[in-house]
Amino acid sequence: MTRFILRALVAALGLWLACEIVPGVAAPGGWTSLLIAAVLLGVVNAIVRPVVFVLTLPITVVTLGLFLLVVNAAMLGLVGWLLKGFVVDGLWAGIFGSVVVGVVSWLGHLLIGDGRERG
C-alpha cells in the first residue's frame, strides 16, 4: 500500500511538471486534481491501455514503436476528458506531457523499486 501511494505521488509530481513546462497541459484544480489525475492515470493505464495497445499493434510495428507516443497521449487525454480539473489541449500537448510524465515515473521507479527482491 505504501508503494502504491509513493507511485501515485511520483505520478502526480510528473503531471505537475508537465503542467509547468508543457503548454496545453494544465491542472486548474491544483494539487487535489493532480493527485486524482495520477490515480486515474494509473487505472486507465492498467485497464484501457492494454486493450488499445493490442488493437493498435500493427500500426505500432509499422512505425517501429513510435505510435506508442500517440497511445500514451491518448491515455493522458482520456484522463483530461474524465477529470474536469485536469486539461490536455491537443495531441502535441498530450505527447509531450506523456513524455514528461513517463520520464518522471521512470525516475521514480528507479528510486522506489518494483517490490521484487533481486537474487
PDB file of N, CA and C in Angstrom:
ATOM      1  N   MET A   1       0.824  -1.198   0.000  1.00  0.00           N
ATOM      2  CA  MET A   1       0.000   0.000   0.000  1.00  0.00           C
ATOM      3  C   MET A   1       0.870   1.265   0.000  1.00  0.00           C
ATOM      4  N   THR A   2       1.964   1.214   0.737  1.00  0.00           N
ATOM      5  CA  THR A   2       2.873   2.348   0.775  1.00  0.00           C
ATOM      6  C   THR A   2       3.485   2.597  -0.597  1.00  0.00           C
ATOM      7  N   ARG A   3       3.835   1.519  -1.284  1.00  0.00           N
ATOM      8  CA  ARG A   3       4.416   1.646  -2.623  1.00  0.00           C
ATOM      9  C   ARG A   3       3.409   2.267  -3.594  1.00  0.00           C
ATOM     10  N   PHE A   4       2.142   1.894  -3.482  1.00  0.00           N
ATOM     11  CA  PHE A   4       1.102   2.463  -4.332  1.00  0.00           C
ATOM     12  C   PHE A   4       0.980   3.967  -4.098  1.00  0.00           C
ATOM     13  N   ILE A   5       1.004   4.377  -2.846  1.00  0.00           N
ATOM     14  CA  ILE A   5       0.900   5.799  -2.514  1.00  0.00           C
ATOM     15  C   ILE A   5       2.112   6.557  -3.047  1.00  0.00           C
ATOM     16  N   LEU A   6       3.293   5.969  -2.895  1.00  0.00           N
ATOM     17  CA  LEU A   6       4.504   6.610  -3.407  1.00  0.00           C
ATOM     18  C   LEU A   6       4.461   6.753  -4.924  1.00  0.00           C
ATOM     19  N   ARG A   7       3.994   5.713  -5.605  1.00  0.00           N
ATOM     20  CA  ARG A   7       3.904   5.781  -7.070  1.00  0.00           C
ATOM     21  C   ARG A   7       2.883   6.816  -7.517  1.00  0.00           C
ATOM     22  N   ALA A   8       1.768   6.921  -6.791  1.00  0.00           N
ATOM     23  CA  ALA A   8       0.769   7.938  -7.120  1.00  0.00           C
ATOM     24  C   ALA A   8       1.341   9.336  -6.906  1.00  0.00           C
ATOM     25  N   LEU A   9       2.128   9.517  -5.852  1.00  0.00           N
ATOM     26  CA  LEU A   9       2.755  10.817  -5.607  1.00  0.00           C
ATOM     27  C   LEU A   9       3.779  11.153  -6.685  1.00  0.00           C
ATOM     28  N   VAL A  10       4.533  10.148  -7.123  1.00  0.00           N
ATOM     29  CA  VAL A  10       5.502  10.372  -8.207  1.00  0.00           C
ATOM     30  C   VAL A  10       4.776  10.716  -9.502  1.00  0.00           C
ATOM     31  N   ALA A  11       3.683  10.033  -9.789  1.00  0.00           N
ATOM     32  CA  ALA A  11       2.906  10.346 -10.992  1.00  0.00           C
ATOM     33  C   ALA A  11       2.312  11.746 -10.899  1.00  0.00           C
ATOM     34  N   ALA A  12       1.847  12.136  -9.714  1.00  0.00           N
ATOM     35  CA  ALA A  12       1.323  13.491  -9.525  1.00  0.00           C
ATOM     36  C   ALA A  12       2.431  14.522  -9.726  1.00  0.00           C
ATOM     37  N   LEU A  13       3.630  14.200  -9.266  1.00  0.00           N
ATOM     38  CA  LEU A  13       4.770  15.090  -9.486  1.00  0.00           C
ATOM     39  C   LEU A  13       5.066  15.221 -10.983  1.00  0.00           C
ATOM     40  N   GLY A  14       5.005  14.106 -11.705  1.00  0.00           N
ATOM     41  CA  GLY A  14       5.203  14.142 -13.154  1.00  0.00           C
ATOM     42  C   GLY A  14       4.133  14.954 -13.855  1.00  0.00           C
ATOM     43  N   LEU A  15       2.895  14.818 -13.416  1.00  0.00           N
ATOM     44  CA  LEU A  15       1.811  15.606 -14.001  1.00  0.00           C
ATOM     45  C   LEU A  15       2.000  17.093 -13.698  1.00  0.00           C
ATOM     46  N   TRP A  16       2.442  17.399 -12.474  1.00  0.00           N
ATOM     47  CA  TRP A  16       2.700  18.795 -12.118  1.00  0.00           C
ATOM     48  C   TRP A  16       3.804  19.375 -13.006  1.00  0.00           C
ATOM     49  N   LEU A  17       4.877  18.608 -13.187  1.00  0.00           N
ATOM     50  CA  LEU A  17       5.974  19.082 -14.028  1.00  0.00           C
ATOM     51  C   LEU A  17       5.511  19.277 -15.465  1.00  0.00           C
ATOM     52  N   ALA A  18       4.672  18.376 -15.952  1.00  0.00           N
ATOM     53  CA  ALA A  18       4.121  18.520 -17.300  1.00  0.00           C
ATOM     54  C   ALA A  18       3.273  19.790 -17.391  1.00  0.00           C
ATOM     55  N   CYS A  19       2.517  20.074 -16.345  1.00  0.00           N
ATOM     56  CA  CYS A  19       1.712  21.305 -16.333  1.00  0.00           C
ATOM     57  C   CYS A  19       2.601  22.544 -16.363  1.00  0.00           C
ATOM     58  N   GLU A  20       3.749  22.453 -15.735  1.00  0.00           N
ATOM     59  CA  GLU A  20       4.645  23.603 -15.664  1.00  0.00           C
ATOM     60  C   GLU A  20       5.397  23.853 -16.970  1.00  0.00           C
ATOM     61  N   ILE A  21       5.809  22.786 -17.670  1.00  0.00           N
ATOM     62  CA  ILE A  21       6.685  23.000 -18.831  1.00  0.00           C
ATOM     63  C   ILE A  21       6.047  22.715 -20.184  1.00  0.00           C
ATOM     64  N   VAL A  22       4.888  22.089 -20.202  1.00  0.00           N
ATOM     65  CA  VAL A  22       4.252  21.763 -21.487  1.00  0.00           C
ATOM     66  C   VAL A  22       3.041  22.678 -21.689  1.00  0.00           C
ATOM     67  N   PRO A  23       3.085  23.538 -22.713  1.00  0.00           N
ATOM     68  CA  PRO A  23       1.901  24.352 -22.988  1.00  0.00           C
ATOM     69  C   PRO A  23       0.749  23.455 -23.437  1.00  0.00           C
ATOM     70  N   GLY A  24      -0.413  23.684 -22.880  1.00  0.00           N
ATOM     71  CA  GLY A  24      -1.581  22.886 -23.235  1.00  0.00           C
ATOM     72  C   GLY A  24      -1.931  21.828 -22.208  1.00  0.00           C
ATOM     73  N   VAL A  25      -1.075  21.625 -21.215  1.00  0.00           N
ATOM     74  CA  VAL A  25      -1.381  20.718 -20.113  1.00  0.00           C
ATOM     75  C   VAL A  25      -1.515  21.584 -18.870  1.00  0.00           C
ATOM     76  N   ALA A  26      -2.665  21.486 -18.206  1.00  0.00           N
ATOM     77  CA  ALA A  26      -2.919  22.340 -17.047  1.00  0.00           C
ATOM     78  C   ALA A  26      -3.768  21.595 -16.024  1.00  0.00           C
ATOM     79  N   ALA A  27      -3.624  22.021 -14.788  1.00  0.00           N
ATOM     80  CA  ALA A  27      -4.431  21.482 -13.698  1.00  0.00           C
ATOM     81  C   ALA A  27      -5.011  22.643 -12.911  1.00  0.00           C
ATOM     82  N   PRO A  28      -6.109  23.234 -13.420  1.00  0.00           N
ATOM     83  CA  PRO A  28      -6.688  24.371 -12.714  1.00  0.00           C
ATOM     84  C   PRO A  28      -7.232  24.002 -11.336  1.00  0.00           C
ATOM     85  N   GLY A  29      -7.412  22.720 -11.084  1.00  0.00           N
ATOM     86  CA  GLY A  29      -7.917  22.278  -9.789  1.00  0.00           C
ATOM     87  C   GLY A  29      -6.837  22.157  -8.729  1.00  0.00           C
ATOM     88  N   GLY A  30      -5.582  22.393  -9.077  1.00  0.00           N
ATOM     89  CA  GLY A  30      -4.494  22.347  -8.102  1.00  0.00           C
ATOM     90  C   GLY A  30      -4.021  20.936  -7.793  1.00  0.00           C
ATOM     91  N   TRP A  31      -3.377  20.800  -6.623  1.00  0.00           N
ATOM     92  CA  TRP A  31      -2.783  19.519  -6.228  1.00  0.00           C
ATOM     93  C   TRP A  31      -3.808  18.412  -6.059  1.00  0.00           C
ATOM     94  N   THR A  32      -5.003  18.771  -5.628  1.00  0.00           N
ATOM     95  CA  THR A  32      -6.041  17.745  -5.473  1.00  0.00           C
ATOM     96  C   THR A  32      -6.347  17.101  -6.821  1.00  0.00           C
ATOM     97  N   SER A  33      -6.489  17.932  -7.825  1.00  0.00           N
ATOM     98  CA  SER A  33      -6.744  17.407  -9.176  1.00  0.00           C
ATOM     99  C   SER A  33      -5.569  16.589  -9.687  1.00  0.00           C
ATOM    100  N   LEU A  34      -4.349  17.020  -9.368  1.00  0.00           N
ATOM    101  CA  LEU A  34      -3.174  16.263  -9.809  1.00  0.00           C
ATOM    102  C   LEU A  34      -3.125  14.888  -9.160  1.00  0.00           C
ATOM    103  N   LEU A  35      -3.437  14.811  -7.877  1.00  0.00           N
ATOM    104  CA  LEU A  35      -3.443  13.507  -7.194  1.00  0.00           C
ATOM    105  C   LEU A  35      -4.528  12.589  -7.750  1.00  0.00           C
ATOM    106  N   ILE A  36      -5.713  13.144  -7.974  1.00  0.00           N
ATOM    107  CA  ILE A  36      -6.794  12.343  -8.553  1.00  0.00           C
ATOM    108  C   ILE A  36      -6.433  11.925  -9.977  1.00  0.00           C
ATOM    109  N   ALA A  37      -5.840  12.843 -10.740  1.00  0.00           N
ATOM    110  CA  ALA A  37      -5.431  12.522 -12.111  1.00  0.00           C
ATOM    111  C   ALA A  37      -4.366  11.433 -12.123  1.00  0.00           C
ATOM    112  N   ALA A  38      -3.453  11.463 -11.151  1.00  0.00           N
ATOM    113  CA  ALA A  38      -2.407  10.437 -11.085  1.00  0.00           C
ATOM    114  C   ALA A  38      -3.005   9.065 -10.833  1.00  0.00           C
ATOM    115  N   VAL A  39      -3.932   8.972  -9.892  1.00  0.00           N
ATOM    116  CA  VAL A  39      -4.580   7.683  -9.611  1.00  0.00           C
ATOM    117  C   VAL A  39      -5.406   7.240 -10.810  1.00  0.00           C
ATOM    118  N   LEU A  40      -6.127   8.184 -11.418  1.00  0.00           N
ATOM    119  CA  LEU A  40      -6.940   7.860 -12.595  1.00  0.00           C
ATOM    120  C   LEU A  40      -6.063   7.429 -13.769  1.00  0.00           C
ATOM    121  N   LEU A  41      -4.912   8.066 -13.929  1.00  0.00           N
ATOM    122  CA  LEU A  41      -3.986   7.657 -14.989  1.00  0.00           C
ATOM    123  C   LEU A  41      -3.482   6.241 -14.750  1.00  0.00           C
ATOM    124  N   GLY A  42      -3.228   5.892 -13.513  1.00  0.00           N
ATOM    125  CA  GLY A  42      -2.832   4.519 -13.189  1.00  0.00           C
ATOM    126  C   GLY A  42      -3.917   3.517 -13.545  1.00  0.00           C
ATOM    127  N   VAL A  43      -5.164   3.862 -13.252  1.00  0.00           N
ATOM    128  CA  VAL A  43      -6.288   2.970 -13.578  1.00  0.00           C
ATOM    129  C   VAL A  43      -6.455   2.863 -15.092  1.00  0.00           C
ATOM    130  N   VAL A  44      -6.387   3.981 -15.783  1.00  0.00           N
ATOM    131  CA  VAL A  44      -6.515   3.972 -17.253  1.00  0.00           C
ATOM    132  C   VAL A  44      -5.384   3.163 -17.880  1.00  0.00           C
ATOM    133  N   ASN A  45      -4.158   3.341 -17.377  1.00  0.00           N
ATOM    134  CA  ASN A  45      -3.032   2.581 -17.924  1.00  0.00           C
ATOM    135  C   ASN A  45      -3.132   1.096 -17.612  1.00  0.00           C
ATOM    136  N   ALA A  46      -3.807   0.733 -16.540  1.00  0.00           N
ATOM    137  CA  ALA A  46      -3.951  -0.681 -16.189  1.00  0.00           C
ATOM    138  C   ALA A  46      -5.089  -1.350 -16.943  1.00  0.00           C
ATOM    139  N   ILE A  47      -6.132  -0.608 -17.282  1.00  0.00           N
ATOM    140  CA  ILE A  47      -7.325  -1.223 -17.872  1.00  0.00           C
ATOM    141  C   ILE A  47      -7.458  -0.923 -19.365  1.00  0.00           C
ATOM    142  N   VAL A  48      -7.392   0.342 -19.736  1.00  0.00           N
ATOM    143  CA  VAL A  48      -7.666   0.738 -21.124  1.00  0.00           C
ATOM    144  C   VAL A  48      -6.441   0.561 -22.018  1.00  0.00           C
ATOM    145  N   ARG A  49      -5.261   0.941 -21.534  1.00  0.00           N
ATOM    146  CA  ARG A  49      -4.056   0.935 -22.370  1.00  0.00           C
ATOM    147  C   ARG A  49      -3.728  -0.442 -22.957  1.00  0.00           C
ATOM    148  N   PRO A  50      -3.841  -1.549 -22.203  1.00  0.00           N
ATOM    149  CA  PRO A  50      -3.546  -2.850 -22.831  1.00  0.00           C
ATOM    150  C   PRO A  50      -4.477  -3.178 -24.004  1.00  0.00           C
ATOM    151  N   VAL A  51      -5.741  -2.805 -23.883  1.00  0.00           N
ATOM    152  CA  VAL A  51      -6.691  -3.061 -24.970  1.00  0.00           C
ATOM    153  C   VAL A  51      -6.323  -2.226 -26.192  1.00  0.00           C
ATOM    154  N   VAL A  52      -6.033  -0.942 -25.968  1.00  0.00           N
ATOM    155  CA  VAL A  52      -5.653  -0.063 -27.075  1.00  0.00           C
ATOM    156  C   VAL A  52      -4.336  -0.532 -27.689  1.00  0.00           C
ATOM    157  N   PHE A  53      -3.414  -0.985 -26.852  1.00  0.00           N
ATOM    158  CA  PHE A  53      -2.127  -1.470 -27.347  1.00  0.00           C
ATOM    159  C   PHE A  53      -2.320  -2.652 -28.300  1.00  0.00           C
ATOM    160  N   VAL A  54      -3.147  -3.608 -27.917  1.00  0.00           N
ATOM    161  CA  VAL A  54      -3.373  -4.784 -28.767  1.00  0.00           C
ATOM    162  C   VAL A  54      -4.071  -4.383 -30.060  1.00  0.00           C
ATOM    163  N   LEU A  55      -5.039  -3.479 -29.960  1.00  0.00           N
ATOM    164  CA  LEU A  55      -5.768  -3.062 -31.161  1.00  0.00           C
ATOM    165  C   LEU A  55      -4.891  -2.282 -32.138  1.00  0.00           C
ATOM    166  N   THR A  56      -3.907  -1.574 -31.624  1.00  0.00           N
ATOM    167  CA  THR A  56      -3.048  -0.763 -32.490  1.00  0.00           C
ATOM    168  C   THR A  56      -1.684  -1.407 -32.737  1.00  0.00           C
ATOM    169  N   LEU A  57      -1.545  -2.664 -32.392  1.00  0.00           N
ATOM    170  CA  LEU A  57      -0.258  -3.335 -32.544  1.00  0.00           C
ATOM    171  C   LEU A  57       0.275  -3.307 -33.981  1.00  0.00           C
ATOM    172  N   PRO A  58      -0.546  -3.545 -35.011  1.00  0.00           N
ATOM    173  CA  PRO A  58       0.003  -3.492 -36.375  1.00  0.00           C
ATOM    174  C   PRO A  58       0.598  -2.126 -36.728  1.00  0.00           C
ATOM    175  N   ILE A  59      -0.090  -1.060 -36.387  1.00  0.00           N
ATOM    176  CA  ILE A  59       0.440   0.268 -36.702  1.00  0.00           C
ATOM    177  C   ILE A  59       1.660   0.591 -35.847  1.00  0.00           C
ATOM    178  N   THR A  60       1.705   0.055 -34.640  1.00  0.00           N
ATOM    179  CA  THR A  60       2.875   0.247 -33.782  1.00  0.00           C
ATOM    180  C   THR A  60       4.096  -0.449 -34.370  1.00  0.00           C
ATOM    181  N   VAL A  61       3.895  -1.634 -34.917  1.00  0.00           N
ATOM    182  CA  VAL A  61       5.001  -2.368 -35.536  1.00  0.00           C
ATOM    183  C   VAL A  61       5.494  -1.633 -36.784  1.00  0.00           C
ATOM    184  N   VAL A  62       4.561  -1.151 -37.606  1.00  0.00           N
ATOM    185  CA  VAL A  62       4.933  -0.453 -38.839  1.00  0.00           C
ATOM    186  C   VAL A  62       5.712   0.825 -38.527  1.00  0.00           C
ATOM    187  N   THR A  63       5.333   1.520 -37.454  1.00  0.00           N
ATOM    188  CA  THR A  63       6.014   2.772 -37.100  1.00  0.00           C
ATOM    189  C   THR A  63       7.191   2.534 -36.153  1.00  0.00           C
ATOM    190  N   LEU A  64       7.584   1.278 -35.982  1.00  0.00           N
ATOM    191  CA  LEU A  64       8.719   0.913 -35.131  1.00  0.00           C
ATOM    192  C   LEU A  64       8.551   1.406 -33.691  1.00  0.00           C
ATOM    193  N   GLY A  65       7.314   1.396 -33.214  1.00  0.00           N
ATOM    194  CA  GLY A  65       7.038   1.738 -31.822  1.00  0.00           C
ATOM    195  C   GLY A  65       6.709   3.190 -31.568  1.00  0.00           C
ATOM    196  N   LEU A  66       6.880   4.043 -32.560  1.00  0.00           N
ATOM    197  CA  LEU A  66       6.610   5.465 -32.350  1.00  0.00           C
ATOM    198  C   LEU A  66       5.131   5.756 -32.090  1.00  0.00           C
ATOM    199  N   PHE A  67       4.256   4.880 -32.565  1.00  0.00           N
ATOM    200  CA  PHE A  67       2.827   5.092 -32.347  1.00  0.00           C
ATOM    201  C   PHE A  67       2.471   4.974 -30.865  1.00  0.00           C
ATOM    202  N   LEU A  68       3.334   4.360 -30.069  1.00  0.00           N
ATOM    203  CA  LEU A  68       3.079   4.281 -28.633  1.00  0.00           C
ATOM    204  C   LEU A  68       3.048   5.667 -27.988  1.00  0.00           C
ATOM    205  N   LEU A  69       3.741   6.631 -28.584  1.00  0.00           N
ATOM    206  CA  LEU A  69       3.641   8.008 -28.096  1.00  0.00           C
ATOM    207  C   LEU A  69       2.217   8.530 -28.241  1.00  0.00           C
ATOM    208  N   VAL A  70       1.581   8.185 -29.350  1.00  0.00           N
ATOM    209  CA  VAL A  70       0.195   8.594 -29.572  1.00  0.00           C
ATOM    210  C   VAL A  70      -0.729   7.864 -28.593  1.00  0.00           C
ATOM    211  N   VAL A  71      -0.470   6.585 -28.350  1.00  0.00           N
ATOM    212  CA  VAL A  71      -1.277   5.823 -27.398  1.00  0.00           C
ATOM    213  C   VAL A  71      -1.152   6.429 -25.994  1.00  0.00           C
ATOM    214  N   ASN A  72       0.065   6.762 -25.585  1.00  0.00           N
ATOM    215  CA  ASN A  72       0.265   7.369 -24.268  1.00  0.00           C
ATOM    216  C   ASN A  72      -0.408   8.739 -24.186  1.00  0.00           C
ATOM    217  N   ALA A  73      -0.330   9.506 -25.264  1.00  0.00           N
ATOM    218  CA  ALA A  73      -1.000  10.802 -25.297  1.00  0.00           C
ATOM    219  C   ALA A  73      -2.511  10.633 -25.201  1.00  0.00           C
ATOM    220  N   ALA A  74      -3.032   9.602 -25.849  1.00  0.00           N
ATOM    221  CA  ALA A  74      -4.468   9.336 -25.783  1.00  0.00           C
ATOM    222  C   ALA A  74      -4.898   8.969 -24.366  1.00  0.00           C
ATOM    223  N   MET A  75      -4.062   8.220 -23.647  1.00  0.00           N
ATOM    224  CA  MET A  75      -4.397   7.864 -22.263  1.00  0.00           C
ATOM    225  C   MET A  75      -4.395   9.109 -21.380  1.00  0.00           C
ATOM    226  N   LEU A  76      -3.445  10.004 -21.601  1.00  0.00           N
ATOM    227  CA  LEU A  76      -3.407  11.258 -20.851  1.00  0.00           C
ATOM    228  C   LEU A  76      -4.602  12.132 -21.221  1.00  0.00           C
ATOM    229  N   GLY A  77      -4.953  12.156 -22.500  1.00  0.00           N
ATOM    230  CA  GLY A  77      -6.134  12.897 -22.942  1.00  0.00           C
ATOM    231  C   GLY A  77      -7.418  12.328 -22.368  1.00  0.00           C
ATOM    232  N   LEU A  78      -7.486  11.002 -22.238  1.00  0.00           N
ATOM    233  CA  LEU A  78      -8.661  10.373 -21.641  1.00  0.00           C
ATOM    234  C   LEU A  78      -8.814  10.795 -20.182  1.00  0.00           C
ATOM    235  N   VAL A  79      -7.708  10.886 -19.468  1.00  0.00           N
ATOM    236  CA  VAL A  79      -7.759  11.358 -18.080  1.00  0.00           C
ATOM    237  C   VAL A  79      -8.246  12.809 -18.053  1.00  0.00           C
ATOM    238  N   GLY A  80      -7.752  13.622 -18.977  1.00  0.00           N
ATOM    239  CA  GLY A  80      -8.212  15.000 -19.057  1.00  0.00           C
ATOM    240  C   GLY A  80      -9.685  15.108 -19.390  1.00  0.00           C
ATOM    241  N   TRP A  81     -10.178  14.187 -20.192  1.00  0.00           N
ATOM    242  CA  TRP A  81     -11.599  14.185 -20.551  1.00  0.00           C
ATOM    243  C   TRP A  81     -12.465  13.724 -19.382  1.00  0.00           C
ATOM    244  N   LEU A  82     -11.974  12.747 -18.615  1.00  0.00           N
ATOM    245  CA  LEU A  82     -12.740  12.217 -17.485  1.00  0.00           C
ATOM    246  C   LEU A  82     -12.724  13.140 -16.275  1.00  0.00           C
ATOM    247  N   LEU A  83     -11.639  13.858 -16.085  1.00  0.00           N
ATOM    248  CA  LEU A  83     -11.463  14.687 -14.895  1.00  0.00           C
ATOM    249  C   LEU A  83     -11.488  16.157 -15.300  1.00  0.00           C
ATOM    250  N   LYS A  84     -12.461  16.886 -14.819  1.00  0.00           N
ATOM    251  CA  LYS A  84     -12.623  18.285 -15.230  1.00  0.00           C
ATOM    252  C   LYS A  84     -11.550  19.198 -14.643  1.00  0.00           C
ATOM    253  N   GLY A  85     -10.824  18.770 -13.616  1.00  0.00           N
ATOM    254  CA  GLY A  85      -9.775  19.590 -13.026  1.00  0.00           C
ATOM    255  C   GLY A  85      -8.412  19.380 -13.657  1.00  0.00           C
ATOM    256  N   PHE A  86      -8.369  18.672 -14.790  1.00  0.00           N
ATOM    257  CA  PHE A  86      -7.117  18.409 -15.487  1.00  0.00           C
ATOM    258  C   PHE A  86      -7.372  18.563 -16.977  1.00  0.00           C
ATOM    259  N   VAL A  87      -6.519  19.324 -17.658  1.00  0.00           N
ATOM    260  CA  VAL A  87      -6.762  19.660 -19.062  1.00  0.00           C
ATOM    261  C   VAL A  87      -5.564  19.266 -19.911  1.00  0.00           C
ATOM    262  N   VAL A  88      -5.839  18.562 -21.011  1.00  0.00           N
ATOM    263  CA  VAL A  88      -4.833  18.286 -22.040  1.00  0.00           C
ATOM    264  C   VAL A  88      -5.410  18.829 -23.344  1.00  0.00           C
ATOM    265  N   ASP A  89      -4.762  19.847 -23.877  1.00  0.00           N
ATOM    266  CA  ASP A  89      -5.304  20.569 -25.019  1.00  0.00           C
ATOM    267  C   ASP A  89      -4.578  20.191 -26.305  1.00  0.00           C
ATOM    268  N   GLY A  90      -4.971  19.078 -26.895  1.00  0.00           N
ATOM    269  CA  GLY A  90      -4.431  18.697 -28.192  1.00  0.00           C
ATOM    270  C   GLY A  90      -3.458  17.527 -28.150  1.00  0.00           C
ATOM    271  N   LEU A  91      -3.166  17.010 -29.336  1.00  0.00           N
ATOM    272  CA  LEU A  91      -2.307  15.834 -29.474  1.00  0.00           C
ATOM    273  C   LEU A  91      -0.872  16.116 -29.055  1.00  0.00           C
ATOM    274  N   TRP A  92      -0.315  17.246 -29.511  1.00  0.00           N
ATOM    275  CA  TRP A  92       1.079  17.522 -29.193  1.00  0.00           C
ATOM    276  C   TRP A  92       1.280  17.772 -27.703  1.00  0.00           C
ATOM    277  N   ALA A  93       0.332  18.435 -27.083  1.00  0.00           N
ATOM    278  CA  ALA A  93       0.413  18.622 -25.630  1.00  0.00           C
ATOM    279  C   ALA A  93       0.352  17.276 -24.931  1.00  0.00           C
ATOM    280  N   GLY A  94      -0.483  16.381 -25.433  1.00  0.00           N
ATOM    281  CA  GLY A  94      -0.576  15.038 -24.857  1.00  0.00           C
ATOM    282  C   GLY A  94       0.706  14.242 -25.043  1.00  0.00           C
ATOM    283  N   ILE A  95       1.309  14.348 -26.219  1.00  0.00           N
ATOM    284  CA  ILE A  95       2.553  13.616 -26.475  1.00  0.00           C
ATOM    285  C   ILE A  95       3.675  14.127 -25.579  1.00  0.00           C
ATOM    286  N   PHE A  96       3.878  15.452 -25.568  1.00  0.00           N
ATOM    287  CA  PHE A  96       4.956  15.994 -24.738  1.00  0.00           C
ATOM    288  C   PHE A  96       4.674  15.791 -23.251  1.00  0.00           C
ATOM    289  N   GLY A  97       3.405  15.920 -22.859  1.00  0.00           N
ATOM    290  CA  GLY A  97       3.034  15.685 -21.465  1.00  0.00           C
ATOM    291  C   GLY A  97       3.270  14.248 -21.046  1.00  0.00           C
ATOM    292  N   SER A  98       2.945  13.299 -21.925  1.00  0.00           N
ATOM    293  CA  SER A  98       3.153  11.889 -21.589  1.00  0.00           C
ATOM    294  C   SER A  98       4.636  11.543 -21.534  1.00  0.00           C
ATOM    295  N   VAL A  99       5.447  12.224 -22.338  1.00  0.00           N
ATOM    296  CA  VAL A  99       6.899  12.009 -22.260  1.00  0.00           C
ATOM    297  C   VAL A  99       7.428  12.499 -20.914  1.00  0.00           C
ATOM    298  N   VAL A 100       6.994  13.669 -20.482  1.00  0.00           N
ATOM    299  CA  VAL A 100       7.433  14.205 -19.188  1.00  0.00           C
ATOM    300  C   VAL A 100       6.990  13.296 -18.051  1.00  0.00           C
ATOM    301  N   VAL A 101       5.725  12.906 -18.062  1.00  0.00           N
ATOM    302  CA  VAL A 101       5.212  12.024 -17.011  1.00  0.00           C
ATOM    303  C   VAL A 101       5.933  10.684 -17.037  1.00  0.00           C
ATOM    304  N   GLY A 102       6.203  10.176 -18.222  1.00  0.00           N
ATOM    305  CA  GLY A 102       6.916   8.903 -18.344  1.00  0.00           C
ATOM    306  C   GLY A 102       8.327   8.957 -17.792  1.00  0.00           C
ATOM    307  N   VAL A 103       9.043  10.033 -18.080  1.00  0.00           N
ATOM    308  CA  VAL A 103      10.414  10.167 -17.575  1.00  0.00           C
ATOM    309  C   VAL A 103      10.418  10.291 -16.057  1.00  0.00           C
ATOM    310  N   VAL A 104       9.518  11.104 -15.510  1.00  0.00           N
ATOM    311  CA  VAL A 104       9.447  11.264 -14.051  1.00  0.00           C
ATOM    312  C   VAL A 104       9.043   9.950 -13.394  1.00  0.00           C
ATOM    313  N   SER A 105       8.098   9.240 -13.979  1.00  0.00           N
ATOM    314  CA  SER A 105       7.680   7.950 -13.418  1.00  0.00           C
ATOM    315  C   SER A 105       8.815   6.928 -13.492  1.00  0.00           C
ATOM    316  N   TRP A 106       9.583   6.964 -14.562  1.00  0.00           N
ATOM    317  CA  TRP A 106      10.726   6.054 -14.690  1.00  0.00           C
ATOM    318  C   TRP A 106      11.763   6.340 -13.612  1.00  0.00           C
ATOM    319  N   LEU A 107      12.049   7.632 -13.403  1.00  0.00           N
ATOM    320  CA  LEU A 107      12.988   8.001 -12.340  1.00  0.00           C
ATOM    321  C   LEU A 107      12.454   7.595 -10.964  1.00  0.00           C
ATOM    322  N   GLY A 108      11.161   7.771 -10.765  1.00  0.00           N
ATOM    323  CA  GLY A 108      10.551   7.343  -9.505  1.00  0.00           C
ATOM    324  C   GLY A 108      10.624   5.837  -9.322  1.00  0.00           C
ATOM    325  N   HIS A 109      10.452   5.102 -10.404  1.00  0.00           N
ATOM    326  CA  HIS A 109      10.559   3.645 -10.350  1.00  0.00           C
ATOM    327  C   HIS A 109      11.975   3.225  -9.957  1.00  0.00           C
ATOM    328  N   LEU A 110      12.965   3.953 -10.466  1.00  0.00           N
ATOM    329  CA  LEU A 110      14.357   3.644 -10.097  1.00  0.00           C
ATOM    330  C   LEU A 110      14.585   3.859  -8.601  1.00  0.00           C
ATOM    331  N   LEU A 111      13.973   4.897  -8.058  1.00  0.00           N
ATOM    332  CA  LEU A 111      14.143   5.203  -6.634  1.00  0.00           C
ATOM    333  C   LEU A 111      13.326   4.285  -5.728  1.00  0.00           C
ATOM    334  N   ILE A 112      12.077   4.039  -6.118  1.00  0.00           N
ATOM    335  CA  ILE A 112      11.164   3.264  -5.277  1.00  0.00           C
ATOM    336  C   ILE A 112      11.378   1.762  -5.474  1.00  0.00           C
ATOM    337  N   GLY A 113      11.624   1.356  -6.688  1.00  0.00           N
ATOM    338  CA  GLY A 113      11.735  -0.069  -6.996  1.00  0.00           C
ATOM    339  C   GLY A 113      10.371  -0.643  -7.329  1.00  0.00           C
ATOM    340  N   ASP A 114      10.365  -1.923  -7.665  1.00  0.00           N
ATOM    341  CA  ASP A 114       9.114  -2.574  -8.041  1.00  0.00           C
ATOM    342  C   ASP A 114       8.632  -3.572  -6.999  1.00  0.00           C
ATOM    343  N   GLY A 115       9.313  -3.686  -5.890  1.00  0.00           N
ATOM    344  CA  GLY A 115       8.865  -4.572  -4.822  1.00  0.00           C
ATOM    345  C   GLY A 115       9.417  -5.994  -4.908  1.00  0.00           C
ATOM    346  N   ARG A 116      10.131  -6.285  -5.962  1.00  0.00           N
ATOM    347  CA  ARG A 116      10.727  -7.612  -6.096  1.00  0.00           C
ATOM    348  C   ARG A 116      12.137  -7.609  -5.549  1.00  0.00           C
ATOM    349  N   GLU A 117      12.483  -8.692  -4.911  1.00  0.00           N
ATOM    350  CA  GLU A 117      13.858  -8.806  -4.412  1.00  0.00           C
ATOM    351  C   GLU A 117      14.754  -9.309  -5.521  1.00  0.00           C
ATOM    352  N   ARG A 118      15.942  -8.783  -5.539  1.00  0.00           N
ATOM    353  CA  ARG A 118      16.903  -9.237  -6.540  1.00  0.00           C
ATOM    354  C   ARG A 118      17.700 -10.375  -5.963  1.00  0.00           C
ATOM    355  N   GLY A 119      17.868 -11.395  -6.772  1.00  0.00           N
ATOM    356  CA  GLY A 119      18.560 -12.544  -6.236  1.00  0.00           C
ATOM    357  C   GLY A 119      19.614 -13.052  -7.039  1.00  0.00           C
TER     358      GLY A 119
END
